[in-house]
Amino acid sequence: MAHHKSTIKRIRQTEKRTERNRYYRTRLKNLTKRVVLAVKAKDKEKALEAFKIANRQIHKMVSKGFLKKRTASRRVSRLNLLVNKLQLEVA
């Protein structure tokens, strides 16, 4: 067990951050999965809706400091490519 005040505080901060990061990591995976599943099901409307939500949430994660700007941009770009491929196939 830690004895210093600063160490005790650090432990508390780490626990908070770990919990917050776990939430964001899970949220990111679920958002991505929704888009991918909609694309695999060839459901154009569902895929577009899921992409819009994912795009908004991923950029919000950047403002919260969970993701870096370029990482978020790359992820959104890849999801966008999937959705666009679906639109080309369906059209």
PDB file of N, CA and C in Angstrom:
ATOM      1  N   MET A   1       0.846  -1.185   0.000  1.00  0.00           N
ATOM      2  CA  MET A   1       0.000   0.000   0.000  1.00  0.00           C
ATOM      3  C   MET A   1       0.886   1.242   0.000  1.00  0.00           C
ATOM      4  N   ALA A   2       0.440   2.256  -0.724  1.00  0.00           N
ATOM      5  CA  ALA A   2       1.201   3.498  -0.816  1.00  0.00           C
ATOM      6  C   ALA A   2       1.120   4.275   0.503  1.00  0.00           C
ATOM      7  N   HIS A   3       2.194   4.979   0.822  1.00  0.00           N
ATOM      8  CA  HIS A   3       2.234   5.735   2.063  1.00  0.00           C
ATOM      9  C   HIS A   3       2.234   7.243   1.838  1.00  0.00           C
ATOM     10  N   HIS A   4       2.711   7.675   0.679  1.00  0.00           N
ATOM     11  CA  HIS A   4       2.791   9.110   0.410  1.00  0.00           C
ATOM     12  C   HIS A   4       1.463   9.626  -0.117  1.00  0.00           C
ATOM     13  N   LYS A   5       1.141  10.862   0.247  1.00  0.00           N
ATOM     14  CA  LYS A   5      -0.107  11.468  -0.207  1.00  0.00           C
ATOM     15  C   LYS A   5      -0.157  11.549  -1.727  1.00  0.00           C
ATOM     16  N   SER A   6       0.960  11.935  -2.317  1.00  0.00           N
ATOM     17  CA  SER A   6       1.003  12.097  -3.764  1.00  0.00           C
ATOM     18  C   SER A   6       0.798  10.754  -4.476  1.00  0.00           C
ATOM     19  N   THR A   7       1.335   9.693  -3.903  1.00  0.00           N
ATOM     20  CA  THR A   7       1.184   8.366  -4.504  1.00  0.00           C
ATOM     21  C   THR A   7      -0.260   7.896  -4.402  1.00  0.00           C
ATOM     22  N   ILE A   8      -0.882   8.172  -3.274  1.00  0.00           N
ATOM     23  CA  ILE A   8      -2.284   7.800  -3.088  1.00  0.00           C
ATOM     24  C   ILE A   8      -3.156   8.536  -4.104  1.00  0.00           C
ATOM     25  N   LYS A   9      -2.871   9.816  -4.302  1.00  0.00           N
ATOM     26  CA  LYS A   9      -3.616  10.611  -5.272  1.00  0.00           C
ATOM     27  C   LYS A   9      -3.405  10.069  -6.685  1.00  0.00           C
ATOM     28  N   ARG A  10      -2.164   9.722  -7.004  1.00  0.00           N
ATOM     29  CA  ARG A  10      -1.842   9.167  -8.324  1.00  0.00           C
ATOM     30  C   ARG A  10      -2.629   7.886  -8.581  1.00  0.00           C
ATOM     31  N   ILE A  11      -2.748   7.058  -7.576  1.00  0.00           N
ATOM     32  CA  ILE A  11      -3.492   5.803  -7.717  1.00  0.00           C
ATOM     33  C   ILE A  11      -4.956   6.105  -8.035  1.00  0.00           C
ATOM     34  N   ARG A  12      -5.524   7.081  -7.316  1.00  0.00           N
ATOM     35  CA  ARG A  12      -6.915   7.474  -7.569  1.00  0.00           C
ATOM     36  C   ARG A  12      -7.080   7.991  -8.998  1.00  0.00           C
ATOM     37  N   GLN A  13      -6.140   8.832  -9.434  1.00  0.00           N
ATOM     38  CA  GLN A  13      -6.219   9.398 -10.787  1.00  0.00           C
ATOM     39  C   GLN A  13      -6.116   8.303 -11.851  1.00  0.00           C
ATOM     40  N   THR A  14      -5.224   7.358 -11.623  1.00  0.00           N
ATOM     41  CA  THR A  14      -5.030   6.274 -12.581  1.00  0.00           C
ATOM     42  C   THR A  14      -6.294   5.432 -12.702  1.00  0.00           C
ATOM     43  N   GLU A  15      -6.932   5.161 -11.571  1.00  0.00           N
ATOM     44  CA  GLU A  15      -8.170   4.383 -11.605  1.00  0.00           C
ATOM     45  C   GLU A  15      -9.258   5.108 -12.385  1.00  0.00           C
ATOM     46  N   LYS A  16      -9.370   6.414 -12.176  1.00  0.00           N
ATOM     47  CA  LYS A  16     -10.356   7.222 -12.904  1.00  0.00           C
ATOM     48  C   LYS A  16     -10.079   7.182 -14.404  1.00  0.00           C
ATOM     49  N   ARG A  17      -8.826   7.420 -14.756  1.00  0.00           N
ATOM     50  CA  ARG A  17      -8.458   7.458 -16.177  1.00  0.00           C
ATOM     51  C   ARG A  17      -8.675   6.104 -16.838  1.00  0.00           C
ATOM     52  N   THR A  18      -8.322   5.031 -16.125  1.00  0.00           N
ATOM     53  CA  THR A  18      -8.483   3.690 -16.672  1.00  0.00           C
ATOM     54  C   THR A  18      -9.950   3.415 -16.973  1.00  0.00           C
ATOM     55  N   GLU A  19     -10.809   3.780 -16.031  1.00  0.00           N
ATOM     56  CA  GLU A  19     -12.244   3.574 -16.225  1.00  0.00           C
ATOM     57  C   GLU A  19     -12.758   4.390 -17.404  1.00  0.00           C
ATOM     58  N   ARG A  20     -12.338   5.653 -17.503  1.00  0.00           N
ATOM     59  CA  ARG A  20     -12.768   6.529 -18.598  1.00  0.00           C
ATOM     60  C   ARG A  20     -12.270   5.995 -19.936  1.00  0.00           C
ATOM     61  N   ASN A  21     -11.007   5.583 -19.982  1.00  0.00           N
ATOM     62  CA  ASN A  21     -10.444   5.082 -21.233  1.00  0.00           C
ATOM     63  C   ASN A  21     -11.119   3.782 -21.663  1.00  0.00           C
ATOM     64  N   ARG A  22     -11.452   2.932 -20.703  1.00  0.00           N
ATOM     65  CA  ARG A  22     -12.130   1.673 -21.016  1.00  0.00           C
ATOM     66  C   ARG A  22     -13.489   1.972 -21.662  1.00  0.00           C
ATOM     67  N   TYR A  23     -14.198   2.971 -21.121  1.00  0.00           N
ATOM     68  CA  TYR A  23     -15.491   3.368 -21.690  1.00  0.00           C
ATOM     69  C   TYR A  23     -15.317   3.830 -23.135  1.00  0.00           C
ATOM     70  N   TYR A  24     -14.369   4.725 -23.365  1.00  0.00           N
ATOM     71  CA  TYR A  24     -14.164   5.253 -24.712  1.00  0.00           C
ATOM     72  C   TYR A  24     -13.703   4.173 -25.691  1.00  0.00           C
ATOM     73  N   ARG A  25     -12.828   3.282 -25.237  1.00  0.00           N
ATOM     74  CA  ARG A  25     -12.325   2.212 -26.097  1.00  0.00           C
ATOM     75  C   ARG A  25     -13.476   1.303 -26.532  1.00  0.00           C
ATOM     76  N   THR A  26     -14.328   0.926 -25.590  1.00  0.00           N
ATOM     77  CA  THR A  26     -15.473   0.073 -25.892  1.00  0.00           C
ATOM     78  C   THR A  26     -16.439   0.794 -26.821  1.00  0.00           C
ATOM     79  N   ARG A  27     -16.688   2.057 -26.541  1.00  0.00           N
ATOM     80  CA  ARG A  27     -17.601   2.862 -27.366  1.00  0.00           C
ATOM     81  C   ARG A  27     -17.093   2.938 -28.802  1.00  0.00           C
ATOM     82  N   LEU A  28     -15.798   3.151 -28.958  1.00  0.00           N
ATOM     83  CA  LEU A  28     -15.197   3.246 -30.284  1.00  0.00           C
ATOM     84  C   LEU A  28     -15.358   1.935 -31.057  1.00  0.00           C
ATOM     85  N   LYS A  29     -15.105   0.818 -30.390  1.00  0.00           N
ATOM     86  CA  LYS A  29     -15.243  -0.493 -31.039  1.00  0.00           C
ATOM     87  C   LYS A  29     -16.689  -0.733 -31.463  1.00  0.00           C
ATOM     88  N   ASN A  30     -17.635  -0.388 -30.586  1.00  0.00           N
ATOM     89  CA  ASN A  30     -19.041  -0.613 -30.892  1.00  0.00           C
ATOM     90  C   ASN A  30     -19.521   0.262 -32.046  1.00  0.00           C
ATOM     91  N   LEU A  31     -19.085   1.506 -32.070  1.00  0.00           N
ATOM     92  CA  LEU A  31     -19.470   2.407 -33.163  1.00  0.00           C
ATOM     93  C   LEU A  31     -18.955   1.872 -34.501  1.00  0.00           C
ATOM     94  N   THR A  32     -17.703   1.432 -34.495  1.00  0.00           N
ATOM     95  CA  THR A  32     -17.092   0.891 -35.708  1.00  0.00           C
ATOM     96  C   THR A  32     -17.814  -0.376 -36.149  1.00  0.00           C
ATOM     97  N   LYS A  33     -18.129  -1.219 -35.170  1.00  0.00           N
ATOM     98  CA  LYS A  33     -18.779  -2.487 -35.471  1.00  0.00           C
ATOM     99  C   LYS A  33     -20.154  -2.267 -36.099  1.00  0.00           C
ATOM    100  N   ARG A  34     -20.889  -1.265 -35.614  1.00  0.00           N
ATOM    101  CA  ARG A  34     -22.217  -0.986 -36.174  1.00  0.00           C
ATOM    102  C   ARG A  34     -22.131  -0.631 -37.651  1.00  0.00           C
ATOM    103  N   VAL A  35     -21.142   0.184 -38.001  1.00  0.00           N
ATOM    104  CA  VAL A  35     -20.981   0.581 -39.407  1.00  0.00           C
ATOM    105  C   VAL A  35     -20.618  -0.638 -40.245  1.00  0.00           C
ATOM    106  N   VAL A  36     -19.667  -1.422 -39.775  1.00  0.00           N
ATOM    107  CA  VAL A  36     -19.195  -2.591 -40.529  1.00  0.00           C
ATOM    108  C   VAL A  36     -20.326  -3.601 -40.723  1.00  0.00           C
ATOM    109  N   LEU A  37     -21.098  -3.859 -39.677  1.00  0.00           N
ATOM    110  CA  LEU A  37     -22.200  -4.820 -39.782  1.00  0.00           C
ATOM    111  C   LEU A  37     -23.281  -4.333 -40.739  1.00  0.00           C
ATOM    112  N   ALA A  38     -23.566  -3.048 -40.717  1.00  0.00           N
ATOM    113  CA  ALA A  38     -24.558  -2.494 -41.644  1.00  0.00           C
ATOM    114  C   ALA A  38     -24.077  -2.611 -43.084  1.00  0.00           C
ATOM    115  N   VAL A  39     -22.779  -2.407 -43.299  1.00  0.00           N
ATOM    116  CA  VAL A  39     -22.220  -2.533 -44.648  1.00  0.00           C
ATOM    117  C   VAL A  39     -22.275  -3.989 -45.102  1.00  0.00           C
ATOM    118  N   LYS A  40     -21.933  -4.915 -44.206  1.00  0.00           N
ATOM    119  CA  LYS A  40     -21.980  -6.337 -44.562  1.00  0.00           C
ATOM    120  C   LYS A  40     -23.399  -6.799 -44.869  1.00  0.00           C
ATOM    121  N   ALA A  41     -24.365  -6.207 -44.170  1.00  0.00           N
ATOM    122  CA  ALA A  41     -25.770  -6.549 -44.407  1.00  0.00           C
ATOM    123  C   ALA A  41     -26.308  -5.834 -45.651  1.00  0.00           C
ATOM    124  N   LYS A  42     -25.480  -4.996 -46.258  1.00  0.00           N
ATOM    125  CA  LYS A  42     -25.824  -4.211 -47.446  1.00  0.00           C
ATOM    126  C   LYS A  42     -27.025  -3.301 -47.195  1.00  0.00           C
ATOM    127  N   ASP A  43     -27.122  -2.800 -45.983  1.00  0.00           N
ATOM    128  CA  ASP A  43     -28.193  -1.877 -45.613  1.00  0.00           C
ATOM    129  C   ASP A  43     -27.643  -0.453 -45.693  1.00  0.00           C
ATOM    130  N   LYS A  44     -27.939   0.193 -46.827  1.00  0.00           N
ATOM    131  CA  LYS A  44     -27.352   1.499 -47.135  1.00  0.00           C
ATOM    132  C   LYS A  44     -27.758   2.571 -46.115  1.00  0.00           C
ATOM    133  N   GLU A  45     -29.051   2.628 -45.790  1.00  0.00           N
ATOM    134  CA  GLU A  45     -29.536   3.658 -44.874  1.00  0.00           C
ATOM    135  C   GLU A  45     -28.968   3.482 -43.470  1.00  0.00           C
ATOM    136  N   LYS A  46     -28.963   2.245 -43.019  1.00  0.00           N
ATOM    137  CA  LYS A  46     -28.436   1.956 -41.677  1.00  0.00           C
ATOM    138  C   LYS A  46     -26.943   2.279 -41.605  1.00  0.00           C
ATOM    139  N   ALA A  47     -26.232   1.949 -42.674  1.00  0.00           N
ATOM    140  CA  ALA A  47     -24.792   2.213 -42.715  1.00  0.00           C
ATOM    141  C   ALA A  47     -24.511   3.713 -42.674  1.00  0.00           C
ATOM    142  N   LEU A  48     -25.276   4.476 -43.440  1.00  0.00           N
ATOM    143  CA  LEU A  48     -25.096   5.933 -43.442  1.00  0.00           C
ATOM    144  C   LEU A  48     -25.388   6.536 -42.076  1.00  0.00           C
ATOM    145  N   GLU A  49     -26.462   6.090 -41.459  1.00  0.00           N
ATOM    146  CA  GLU A  49     -26.829   6.597 -40.140  1.00  0.00           C
ATOM    147  C   GLU A  49     -25.762   6.243 -39.102  1.00  0.00           C
ATOM    148  N   ALA A  50     -25.308   4.994 -39.144  1.00  0.00           N
ATOM    149  CA  ALA A  50     -24.271   4.555 -38.205  1.00  0.00           C
ATOM    150  C   ALA A  50     -22.972   5.326 -38.431  1.00  0.00           C
ATOM    151  N   PHE A  51     -22.664   5.606 -39.702  1.00  0.00           N
ATOM    152  CA  PHE A  51     -21.445   6.360 -40.014  1.00  0.00           C
ATOM    153  C   PHE A  51     -21.525   7.785 -39.488  1.00  0.00           C
ATOM    154  N   LYS A  52     -22.691   8.418 -39.649  1.00  0.00           N
ATOM    155  CA  LYS A  52     -22.849   9.790 -39.154  1.00  0.00           C
ATOM    156  C   LYS A  52     -22.630   9.853 -37.642  1.00  0.00           C
ATOM    157  N   ILE A  53     -23.222   8.895 -36.939  1.00  0.00           N
ATOM    158  CA  ILE A  53     -23.076   8.855 -35.477  1.00  0.00           C
ATOM    159  C   ILE A  53     -21.617   8.602 -35.105  1.00  0.00           C
ATOM    160  N   ALA A  54     -21.000   7.628 -35.791  1.00  0.00           N
ATOM    161  CA  ALA A  54     -19.600   7.279 -35.496  1.00  0.00           C
ATOM    162  C   ALA A  54     -18.681   8.469 -35.758  1.00  0.00           C
ATOM    163  N   ASN A  55     -18.894   9.154 -36.866  1.00  0.00           N
ATOM    164  CA  ASN A  55     -18.068  10.305 -37.224  1.00  0.00           C
ATOM    165  C   ASN A  55     -18.130  11.366 -36.127  1.00  0.00           C
ATOM    166  N   ARG A  56     -19.338  11.682 -35.706  1.00  0.00           N
ATOM    167  CA  ARG A  56     -19.534  12.701 -34.672  1.00  0.00           C
ATOM    168  C   ARG A  56     -18.855  12.285 -33.363  1.00  0.00           C
ATOM    169  N   GLN A  57     -19.068  11.029 -32.965  1.00  0.00           N
ATOM    170  CA  GLN A  57     -18.534  10.560 -31.695  1.00  0.00           C
ATOM    171  C   GLN A  57     -17.005  10.451 -31.714  1.00  0.00           C
ATOM    172  N   ILE A  58     -16.454  10.010 -32.829  1.00  0.00           N
ATOM    173  CA  ILE A  58     -14.997   9.881 -32.933  1.00  0.00           C
ATOM    174  C   ILE A  58     -14.345  11.257 -32.813  1.00  0.00           C
ATOM    175  N   HIS A  59     -14.918  12.261 -33.469  1.00  0.00           N
ATOM    176  CA  HIS A  59     -14.347  13.599 -33.360  1.00  0.00           C
ATOM    177  C   HIS A  59     -14.544  14.189 -31.976  1.00  0.00           C
ATOM    178  N   LYS A  60     -15.597  13.781 -31.302  1.00  0.00           N
ATOM    179  CA  LYS A  60     -15.803  14.227 -29.933  1.00  0.00           C
ATOM    180  C   LYS A  60     -14.721  13.630 -29.022  1.00  0.00           C
ATOM    181  N   MET A  61     -14.306  12.397 -29.320  1.00  0.00           N
ATOM    182  CA  MET A  61     -13.243  11.751 -28.546  1.00  0.00           C
ATOM    183  C   MET A  61     -11.923  12.503 -28.708  1.00  0.00           C
ATOM    184  N   VAL A  62     -11.734  13.127 -29.862  1.00  0.00           N
ATOM    185  CA  VAL A  62     -10.531  13.938 -30.079  1.00  0.00           C
ATOM    186  C   VAL A  62     -10.549  15.139 -29.146  1.00  0.00           C
ATOM    187  N   SER A  63     -11.705  15.786 -29.053  1.00  0.00           N
ATOM    188  CA  SER A  63     -11.791  16.977 -28.201  1.00  0.00           C
ATOM    189  C   SER A  63     -11.644  16.623 -26.723  1.00  0.00           C
ATOM    190  N   LYS A  64     -11.992  15.385 -26.358  1.00  0.00           N
ATOM    191  CA  LYS A  64     -11.840  14.946 -24.968  1.00  0.00           C
ATOM    192  C   LYS A  64     -10.406  14.485 -24.676  1.00  0.00           C
ATOM    193  N   GLY A  65      -9.613  14.321 -25.739  1.00  0.00           N
ATOM    194  CA  GLY A  65      -8.224  13.929 -25.549  1.00  0.00           C
ATOM    195  C   GLY A  65      -7.995  12.434 -25.564  1.00  0.00           C
ATOM    196  N   PHE A  66      -9.012  11.663 -25.937  1.00  0.00           N
ATOM    197  CA  PHE A  66      -8.849  10.207 -25.969  1.00  0.00           C
ATOM    198  C   PHE A  66      -8.110   9.762 -27.222  1.00  0.00           C
ATOM    199  N   LEU A  67      -8.424  10.384 -28.354  1.00  0.00           N
ATOM    200  CA  LEU A  67      -7.765  10.051 -29.615  1.00  0.00           C
ATOM    201  C   LEU A  67      -7.000  11.257 -30.127  1.00  0.00           C
ATOM    202  N   LYS A  68      -5.944  10.975 -30.904  1.00  0.00           N
ATOM    203  CA  LYS A  68      -5.257  12.054 -31.587  1.00  0.00           C
ATOM    204  C   LYS A  68      -6.010  12.370 -32.868  1.00  0.00           C
ATOM    205  N   LYS A  69      -5.815  13.591 -33.364  1.00  0.00           N
ATOM    206  CA  LYS A  69      -6.570  14.062 -34.515  1.00  0.00           C
ATOM    207  C   LYS A  69      -6.348  13.176 -35.745  1.00  0.00           C
ATOM    208  N   ARG A  70      -5.124  12.809 -35.994  1.00  0.00           N
ATOM    209  CA  ARG A  70      -4.829  12.015 -37.194  1.00  0.00           C
ATOM    210  C   ARG A  70      -5.364  10.592 -37.085  1.00  0.00           C
ATOM    211  N   THR A  71      -5.336  10.041 -35.891  1.00  0.00           N
ATOM    212  CA  THR A  71      -5.885   8.700 -35.680  1.00  0.00           C
ATOM    213  C   THR A  71      -7.380   8.714 -35.956  1.00  0.00           C
ATOM    214  N   ALA A  72      -8.053   9.709 -35.428  1.00  0.00           N
ATOM    215  CA  ALA A  72      -9.496   9.829 -35.646  1.00  0.00           C
ATOM    216  C   ALA A  72      -9.790  10.014 -37.129  1.00  0.00           C
ATOM    217  N   SER A  73      -9.014  10.841 -37.773  1.00  0.00           N
ATOM    218  CA  SER A  73      -9.200  11.105 -39.193  1.00  0.00           C
ATOM    219  C   SER A  73      -9.033   9.819 -40.007  1.00  0.00           C
ATOM    220  N   ARG A  74      -8.037   9.033 -39.673  1.00  0.00           N
ATOM    221  CA  ARG A  74      -7.782   7.771 -40.369  1.00  0.00           C
ATOM    222  C   ARG A  74      -8.952   6.800 -40.183  1.00  0.00           C
ATOM    223  N   ARG A  75      -9.437   6.702 -38.960  1.00  0.00           N
ATOM    224  CA  ARG A  75     -10.545   5.783 -38.673  1.00  0.00           C
ATOM    225  C   ARG A  75     -11.813   6.202 -39.424  1.00  0.00           C
ATOM    226  N   VAL A  76     -12.105   7.496 -39.399  1.00  0.00           N
ATOM    227  CA  VAL A  76     -13.288   8.003 -40.093  1.00  0.00           C
ATOM    228  C   VAL A  76     -13.149   7.775 -41.592  1.00  0.00           C
ATOM    229  N   SER A  77     -11.963   8.007 -42.104  1.00  0.00           N
ATOM    230  CA  SER A  77     -11.713   7.829 -43.531  1.00  0.00           C
ATOM    231  C   SER A  77     -11.951   6.380 -43.959  1.00  0.00           C
ATOM    232  N   ARG A  78     -11.483   5.446 -43.164  1.00  0.00           N
ATOM    233  CA  ARG A  78     -11.665   4.029 -43.496  1.00  0.00           C
ATOM    234  C   ARG A  78     -13.132   3.621 -43.433  1.00  0.00           C
ATOM    235  N   LEU A  79     -13.846   4.137 -42.453  1.00  0.00           N
ATOM    236  CA  LEU A  79     -15.276   3.845 -42.374  1.00  0.00           C
ATOM    237  C   LEU A  79     -16.008   4.455 -43.566  1.00  0.00           C
ATOM    238  N   ASN A  80     -15.594   5.650 -43.936  1.00  0.00           N
ATOM    239  CA  ASN A  80     -16.199   6.329 -45.079  1.00  0.00           C
ATOM    240  C   ASN A  80     -15.977   5.536 -46.363  1.00  0.00           C
ATOM    241  N   LEU A  81     -14.795   4.974 -46.526  1.00  0.00           N
ATOM    242  CA  LEU A  81     -14.510   4.146 -47.703  1.00  0.00           C
ATOM    243  C   LEU A  81     -15.456   2.948 -47.765  1.00  0.00           C
ATOM    244  N   LEU A  82     -15.673   2.311 -46.618  1.00  0.00           N
ATOM    245  CA  LEU A  82     -16.589   1.170 -46.578  1.00  0.00           C
ATOM    246  C   LEU A  82     -18.000   1.567 -47.014  1.00  0.00           C
ATOM    247  N   VAL A  83     -18.484   2.667 -46.464  1.00  0.00           N
ATOM    248  CA  VAL A  83     -19.838   3.123 -46.771  1.00  0.00           C
ATOM    249  C   VAL A  83     -19.943   3.522 -48.239  1.00  0.00           C
ATOM    250  N   ASN A  84     -18.919   4.176 -48.760  1.00  0.00           N
ATOM    251  CA  ASN A  84     -18.941   4.584 -50.169  1.00  0.00           C
ATOM    252  C   ASN A  84     -18.912   3.381 -51.104  1.00  0.00           C
ATOM    253  N   LYS A  85     -18.161   2.343 -50.750  1.00  0.00           N
ATOM    254  CA  LYS A  85     -18.142   1.124 -51.563  1.00  0.00           C
ATOM    255  C   LYS A  85     -19.535   0.511 -51.620  1.00  0.00           C
ATOM    256  N   LEU A  86     -20.212   0.532 -50.474  1.00  0.00           N
ATOM    257  CA  LEU A  86     -21.571  -0.018 -50.415  1.00  0.00           C
ATOM    258  C   LEU A  86     -22.503   0.778 -51.331  1.00  0.00           C
ATOM    259  N   GLN A  87     -22.362   2.089 -51.326  1.00  0.00           N
ATOM    260  CA  GLN A  87     -23.222   2.921 -52.165  1.00  0.00           C
ATOM    261  C   GLN A  87     -22.970   2.649 -53.650  1.00  0.00           C
ATOM    262  N   LEU A  88     -21.724   2.384 -54.008  1.00  0.00           N
ATOM    263  CA  LEU A  88     -21.397   2.087 -55.405  1.00  0.00           C
ATOM    264  C   LEU A  88     -21.969   0.723 -55.816  1.00  0.00           C
ATOM    265  N   GLU A  89     -21.918  -0.254 -54.897  1.00  0.00           N
ATOM    266  CA  GLU A  89     -22.425  -1.590 -55.193  1.00  0.00           C
ATOM    267  C   GLU A  89     -23.940  -1.575 -55.359  1.00  0.00           C
ATOM    268  N   VAL A  90     -24.619  -0.849 -54.472  1.00  0.00           N
ATOM    269  CA  VAL A  90     -26.081  -0.827 -54.480  1.00  0.00           C
ATOM    270  C   VAL A  90     -26.604  -0.041 -55.678  1.00  0.00           C
ATOM    271  N   ALA A  91     -25.902   1.030 -56.027  1.00  0.00           N
ATOM    272  CA  ALA A  91     -26.379   1.910 -57.121  1.00  0.00           C
ATOM    273  C   ALA A  91     -26.314   1.266 -58.478  1.00  0.00           C
TER     274      ALA A  91
END
